Amino acid sequence: MNDYRILLFYKYVPVPEAEAFAAEHLDFCRRLGVKGRILIADEGINGTLSGTVEQTDEYAAALRSHPLFADIVFKTESSDKHAFKKLFVRYKQELVTLRYDRKLDPVTEGGGRLNPKQFYDYLNKENVIVLDGRSGYEYDLGHFRNAIRPDVEAFREFPDWIRNNLADRKDATIITYCTGGIRCEMLTAVMRNEGFEDVHQLDGGIVTYGQDPEVRGAGFDGNCYVFDERISVRINQTDDHVIVGRCHHCGGPTDRYINCADDSCHLQHLVCVDCEDEHQGYCSTACEEHDTLPLG
C-alpha cells in the first residue's frame, strides 16, 4: 500500500536572507517528520523529500504559502516507504554547482521550454542534437535514444566540455534534458551565453516526461538514476522499454547500481545479480583483497 509520497521540486527565485531561511526551513522539516535533501541558496530552492501523504501535503501547502514559492511545481511519486534515511536542509552558494565566470539568471537567460510531447517530436526530427545534461554515470543507466553522453563527472565541468565538443555546432538545434529540470535551466543559460541560439530544455525533466499520459516515456532507454534510496526508476512505460546499463564485471545488461562493499571505496557501479553474488558486492579484486586484510 502506497502510504508515502516522494516530492521533487525547485524554483529559481531570489531569496532574501537565504541562510536564515534555510535554518528555519530545517526546523520546520524536522517538526514535520519528512526526510530528504533540500538546498537553499540566494538564487532559490531545490529539493527532493519523502514522507507520508499527509506530511507531504502539509509540506507542499506550507511552502506554497510563502509568497516566493506560491507557484512552485511539485513532481510527485507514490511509495510504500521513505525514500531517504535522513534529512538534510542546507544553505549553498549555488543550487547547482557551476562556478561559471559570470552570474547567470536561468529564468531570463535559459533556453526555450518543451513539454513532453514537444520534446518527443524533436527527438524524431533530423539534425537535432540531443544533449544529456547529467553526469556520465547517470547516462550509463538510462538516456534518451541517440543522446550525447557528456564526459563529465560534475556539472561544473559542462562549460569546458561544451567549448571542447560543441563549439562548431552553435547554429544547430539542441535539446537538453536532466532528471527534474533544474540542471538544464542552468545548462541552456550557459549555452546561450556561449553563443548557442537554438537551445531548448525538457520542461520538468525526465521525471515529468515519464509521467506524461501521452508520451508515456517513449524514446527513453534504460532507467533513470535518482538521488534517493531507490537509485533507479523506470521511465518508459511503453512496450519499447530496453535495458542499456552494462555490468561492471561481465558487460551483461543490468539496471542495478550498488556501492562497492569495501568501506574505503564505496564505488557505485552497475552490476548484474550473478556478478554481485560472485564478487560479493566488491567492484574489484583489489577491493575484495583490501577488505579482507587482517587488522594491525
Protein backbone atom coordinates (compact mmCIF):
# COMPACT_ATOMS: atom_id res chain seq x y z
CA MET A 1 0.00 0.00 0.00
CA ASN A 2 1.43 3.36 -1.06
CA ASP A 3 1.10 5.41 2.13
CA TYR A 4 4.16 7.52 1.33
CA ARG A 5 4.96 10.07 -1.32
CA ILE A 6 8.13 11.48 -2.86
CA LEU A 7 8.31 15.15 -3.85
CA LEU A 8 10.78 16.63 -6.33
CA PHE A 9 10.80 20.42 -6.72
CA TYR A 10 12.85 23.51 -7.41
CA LYS A 11 12.49 27.17 -8.23
CA TYR A 12 14.99 29.82 -9.22
CA VAL A 13 13.96 32.97 -7.38
CA PRO A 14 15.97 35.48 -5.28
CA VAL A 15 15.66 34.53 -1.61
CA PRO A 16 16.42 37.34 0.87
CA GLU A 17 18.47 36.19 3.87
CA ALA A 18 18.63 32.71 2.40
CA GLU A 19 20.92 31.33 5.08
CA ALA A 20 18.46 32.23 7.83
CA PHE A 21 15.59 30.87 5.74
CA ALA A 22 17.45 27.56 5.42
CA ALA A 23 17.81 27.28 9.21
CA GLU A 24 14.10 27.98 9.72
CA HIS A 25 13.19 25.51 6.99
CA LEU A 26 15.28 22.79 8.64
CA ASP A 27 13.40 23.28 11.91
CA PHE A 28 10.07 23.09 10.09
CA CYS A 29 11.02 19.88 8.25
CA ARG A 30 12.22 18.28 11.47
CA ARG A 31 8.95 19.06 13.21
CA LEU A 32 7.01 17.74 10.24
CA GLY A 33 8.98 14.50 10.10
CA VAL A 34 9.88 14.44 6.40
CA LYS A 35 13.22 13.14 5.14
CA GLY A 36 15.29 14.11 2.14
CA ARG A 37 17.68 16.71 0.79
CA ILE A 38 16.80 20.38 0.36
CA LEU A 39 19.24 23.03 -0.83
CA ILE A 40 18.54 26.72 -0.36
CA ALA A 41 20.61 29.47 -1.93
CA ASP A 42 20.33 33.18 -2.62
CA GLU A 43 19.03 32.12 -6.05
CA GLY A 44 16.26 29.73 -4.95
CA ILE A 45 15.40 26.27 -3.63
CA ASN A 46 15.99 22.72 -4.87
CA GLY A 47 14.72 19.68 -3.04
CA THR A 48 13.56 16.11 -3.01
CA LEU A 49 11.94 14.59 0.06
CA SER A 50 9.71 11.78 1.23
CA GLY A 51 7.04 11.41 3.86
CA THR A 52 3.54 10.18 4.42
CA VAL A 53 0.82 11.53 2.16
CA GLU A 54 -0.32 13.79 4.99
CA GLN A 55 3.21 15.05 5.69
CA THR A 56 3.95 15.82 2.05
CA ASP A 57 0.58 17.54 1.63
CA GLU A 58 1.38 19.71 4.63
CA TYR A 59 4.89 20.45 3.34
CA ALA A 60 3.63 21.45 -0.12
CA ALA A 61 0.91 23.68 1.35
CA ALA A 62 3.36 25.36 3.73
CA LEU A 63 5.93 26.09 1.02
CA ARG A 64 3.28 27.43 -1.34
CA SER A 65 2.01 29.72 1.41
CA HIS A 66 5.31 31.58 1.15
CA PRO A 67 4.93 34.38 -1.44
CA LEU A 68 8.19 33.43 -3.17
CA PHE A 69 7.06 29.86 -3.79
CA ALA A 70 3.32 30.23 -4.36
CA ASP A 71 3.61 28.81 -7.87
CA ILE A 72 6.29 26.17 -7.25
CA VAL A 73 5.72 22.90 -9.12
CA PHE A 74 5.91 19.60 -7.25
CA LYS A 75 6.59 16.38 -9.12
CA THR A 76 5.08 13.55 -7.07
CA GLU A 77 5.53 9.80 -6.93
CA SER A 78 3.84 7.24 -4.70
CA SER A 79 5.93 4.97 -2.48
CA ASP A 80 5.41 2.28 0.14
CA LYS A 81 8.12 3.73 2.39
CA HIS A 82 10.54 6.60 2.91
CA ALA A 83 12.94 7.15 0.01
CA PHE A 84 15.55 8.69 2.32
CA LYS A 85 17.20 7.69 5.57
CA LYS A 86 17.96 11.20 6.82
CA LEU A 87 17.05 14.85 6.47
CA PHE A 88 19.44 17.47 5.11
CA VAL A 89 18.47 21.11 4.68
CA ARG A 90 21.45 23.28 3.82
CA TYR A 91 22.41 26.69 2.54
CA LYS A 92 24.66 26.68 -0.54
CA GLN A 93 26.23 29.34 -2.69
CA GLU A 94 24.65 27.78 -5.81
CA LEU A 95 21.72 25.40 -6.24
CA VAL A 96 23.69 23.59 -8.92
CA THR A 97 27.44 23.99 -8.51
CA LEU A 98 28.69 25.66 -11.68
CA ARG A 99 31.36 28.24 -10.76
CA TYR A 100 30.88 29.95 -14.11
CA ASP A 101 32.80 33.11 -14.97
CA ARG A 102 29.65 35.23 -14.71
CA LYS A 103 26.42 35.03 -12.75
CA LEU A 104 23.59 33.71 -14.89
CA ASP A 105 19.84 34.01 -14.42
CA PRO A 106 18.35 30.84 -15.92
CA VAL A 107 14.81 32.27 -15.73
CA THR A 108 15.60 35.06 -18.19
CA GLU A 109 18.69 33.65 -19.94
CA GLY A 110 17.81 29.97 -20.30
CA GLY A 111 16.64 28.17 -23.42
CA GLY A 112 13.14 27.50 -24.67
CA ARG A 113 10.93 25.08 -22.74
CA LEU A 114 9.50 21.95 -24.35
CA ASN A 115 6.64 19.98 -22.84
CA PRO A 116 6.92 16.16 -23.11
CA LYS A 117 5.02 15.92 -26.43
CA GLN A 118 7.08 18.71 -27.98
CA PHE A 119 10.29 17.10 -26.73
CA TYR A 120 9.21 13.74 -28.17
CA ASP A 121 8.54 15.39 -31.54
CA TYR A 122 12.01 16.95 -31.50
CA LEU A 123 13.54 13.53 -30.77
CA ASN A 124 12.18 12.32 -34.09
CA LYS A 125 13.41 15.26 -36.16
CA GLU A 126 16.54 15.12 -38.27
CA ASN A 127 19.61 17.24 -37.48
CA VAL A 128 18.65 17.79 -33.84
CA ILE A 129 21.35 17.34 -31.21
CA VAL A 130 20.08 15.66 -28.03
CA LEU A 131 22.34 16.54 -25.10
CA ASP A 132 22.15 14.80 -21.74
CA GLY A 133 22.56 17.45 -19.05
CA ARG A 134 23.58 14.97 -16.34
CA SER A 135 26.80 13.16 -15.43
CA GLY A 136 28.13 10.20 -17.38
CA TYR A 137 27.23 7.60 -14.76
CA GLU A 138 23.59 8.72 -14.90
CA TYR A 139 23.61 8.40 -18.69
CA ASP A 140 25.03 4.88 -18.43
CA LEU A 141 21.94 3.68 -16.54
CA GLY A 142 19.46 5.24 -18.94
CA HIS A 143 19.10 8.01 -21.51
CA PHE A 144 17.10 9.27 -24.45
CA ARG A 145 17.81 7.44 -27.68
CA ASN A 146 20.65 8.99 -29.69
CA ALA A 147 21.55 11.43 -26.91
CA ILE A 148 25.14 12.57 -26.50
CA ARG A 149 26.87 11.22 -23.40
CA PRO A 150 28.76 14.08 -21.72
CA ASP A 151 32.19 13.09 -20.46
CA VAL A 152 31.71 14.93 -17.17
CA GLU A 153 31.67 13.80 -13.55
CA ALA A 154 30.31 17.06 -12.15
CA PHE A 155 28.05 19.78 -13.53
CA ARG A 156 30.74 22.46 -13.23
CA GLU A 157 32.69 20.65 -15.99
CA PHE A 158 30.00 21.39 -18.59
CA PRO A 159 31.22 24.82 -19.81
CA ASP A 160 34.65 23.44 -20.78
CA TRP A 161 33.08 20.28 -22.23
CA ILE A 162 30.76 22.39 -24.39
CA ARG A 163 33.64 24.56 -25.62
CA ASN A 164 35.71 21.50 -26.48
CA ASN A 165 32.97 19.42 -28.09
CA LEU A 166 30.24 21.65 -29.50
CA ALA A 167 31.98 24.89 -30.43
CA ASP A 168 31.44 24.22 -34.15
CA ARG A 169 27.70 23.47 -33.71
CA LYS A 170 26.48 26.84 -32.48
CA ASP A 171 23.97 27.07 -35.33
CA ALA A 172 22.44 23.65 -34.59
CA THR A 173 19.14 22.90 -32.88
CA ILE A 174 19.98 21.43 -29.47
CA ILE A 175 17.57 19.93 -26.96
CA THR A 176 18.70 19.14 -23.44
CA TYR A 177 17.29 17.18 -20.52
CA CYS A 178 18.07 16.21 -16.93
CA THR A 179 16.28 14.46 -14.07
CA GLY A 180 13.94 17.17 -12.83
CA GLY A 181 14.78 20.20 -14.97
CA ILE A 182 16.95 22.35 -12.71
CA ARG A 183 20.30 21.49 -14.28
CA CYS A 184 19.05 22.12 -17.82
CA GLU A 185 17.71 25.53 -16.87
CA MET A 186 21.27 26.50 -15.99
CA LEU A 187 22.86 24.46 -18.80
CA THR A 188 20.83 26.20 -21.51
CA ALA A 189 21.69 29.56 -19.94
CA VAL A 190 25.37 28.63 -20.19
CA MET A 191 24.97 27.55 -23.81
CA ARG A 192 23.18 30.73 -24.79
CA ASN A 193 25.91 32.75 -23.09
CA GLU A 194 28.46 30.74 -25.09
CA GLY A 195 26.78 31.73 -28.36
CA PHE A 196 24.28 28.92 -28.97
CA GLU A 197 20.91 30.30 -30.05
CA ASP A 198 18.53 27.43 -30.89
CA VAL A 199 18.66 25.69 -27.50
CA HIS A 200 15.73 24.09 -25.68
CA GLN A 201 15.14 22.14 -22.47
CA LEU A 202 12.72 19.41 -21.42
CA ASP A 203 10.44 21.25 -19.01
CA GLY A 204 10.11 19.24 -15.80
CA GLY A 205 12.85 16.83 -16.78
CA ILE A 206 12.82 13.08 -17.26
CA VAL A 207 10.50 12.52 -14.30
CA THR A 208 7.72 14.64 -15.83
CA TYR A 209 8.30 13.03 -19.22
CA GLY A 210 7.80 9.55 -17.77
CA GLN A 211 4.55 10.57 -16.08
CA ASP A 212 3.02 12.24 -19.13
CA PRO A 213 -0.03 10.19 -20.23
CA GLU A 214 0.51 10.94 -23.91
CA VAL A 215 4.18 10.07 -24.46
CA ARG A 216 4.47 7.58 -21.53
CA GLY A 217 8.26 7.87 -21.51
CA ALA A 218 8.64 6.75 -25.13
CA GLY A 219 12.17 7.07 -26.50
CA PHE A 220 13.88 6.80 -23.13
CA ASP A 221 16.02 3.66 -22.92
CA GLY A 222 17.04 2.10 -19.62
CA ASN A 223 16.15 3.54 -16.21
CA CYS A 224 16.56 6.97 -14.68
CA TYR A 225 19.10 7.49 -11.91
CA VAL A 226 17.56 9.17 -8.85
CA PHE A 227 19.31 10.55 -5.77
CA ASP A 228 17.49 8.56 -3.11
CA GLU A 229 17.35 5.01 -1.77
CA ARG A 230 15.62 3.76 -4.93
CA ILE A 231 18.65 4.69 -7.09
CA SER A 232 16.85 3.62 -10.28
CA VAL A 233 13.31 4.16 -11.59
CA ARG A 234 11.64 3.13 -14.83
CA ILE A 235 10.61 5.92 -17.20
CA ASN A 236 9.49 4.26 -20.42
CA GLN A 237 6.03 2.82 -19.77
CA THR A 238 5.57 1.51 -23.32
CA ASP A 239 6.41 -1.93 -24.69
CA ASP A 240 9.60 -0.42 -26.12
CA HIS A 241 11.44 -0.42 -22.78
CA VAL A 242 15.01 -1.76 -23.00
CA ILE A 243 17.92 -2.10 -20.57
CA VAL A 244 21.04 -0.17 -21.61
CA GLY A 245 23.17 -0.45 -18.46
CA ARG A 246 26.13 -2.83 -18.63
CA CYS A 247 27.52 -4.83 -15.74
CA HIS A 248 30.84 -3.53 -14.42
CA HIS A 249 32.19 -7.10 -14.34
CA CYS A 250 30.73 -9.14 -17.21
CA GLY A 251 29.30 -6.47 -19.51
CA GLY A 252 25.86 -8.03 -19.48
CA PRO A 253 22.66 -5.97 -19.36
CA THR A 254 21.59 -4.63 -15.96
CA ASP A 255 19.81 -1.66 -14.42
CA ARG A 256 21.13 -2.20 -10.88
CA TYR A 257 23.58 0.19 -9.21
CA ILE A 258 25.25 -0.88 -5.94
CA ASN A 259 28.00 0.56 -3.76
CA CYS A 260 31.27 -1.37 -3.51
CA ALA A 261 31.27 -3.49 -0.33
CA ASP A 262 34.71 -2.11 0.62
CA ASP A 263 34.04 0.77 3.03
CA SER A 264 37.15 2.57 1.82
CA CYS A 265 35.87 2.53 -1.78
CA HIS A 266 32.06 2.51 -1.99
CA LEU A 267 32.28 2.98 -5.77
CA GLN A 268 28.78 2.98 -7.15
CA HIS A 269 28.78 0.59 -10.08
CA LEU A 270 26.35 -1.22 -12.32
CA VAL A 271 26.22 -4.94 -11.58
CA CYS A 272 24.04 -7.89 -12.51
CA VAL A 273 22.68 -10.26 -9.86
CA ASP A 274 25.07 -13.10 -10.76
CA CYS A 275 28.16 -10.89 -10.60
CA GLU A 276 27.07 -9.29 -7.35
CA ASP A 277 26.94 -12.78 -5.83
CA GLU A 278 30.18 -13.91 -7.47
CA HIS A 279 32.15 -10.82 -6.42
CA GLN A 280 30.32 -10.41 -3.08
CA GLY A 281 29.47 -6.80 -3.85
CA TYR A 282 33.05 -5.66 -4.50
CA CYS A 283 33.87 -3.61 -7.58
CA SER A 284 37.32 -5.18 -7.99
CA THR A 285 39.63 -7.91 -6.74
CA ALA A 286 41.78 -5.22 -5.14
CA CYS A 287 38.83 -4.01 -3.06
CA GLU A 288 37.97 -7.55 -2.01
CA GLU A 289 41.56 -8.25 -1.00
CA HIS A 290 41.84 -4.92 0.82
CA ASP A 291 38.67 -5.57 2.76
CA THR A 292 39.89 -8.98 3.93
CA LEU A 293 43.35 -7.88 5.10
CA PRO A 294 43.99 -8.65 8.78
CA LEU A 295 43.82 -5.63 11.10
CA GLY A 296 47.02 -4.36 12.74
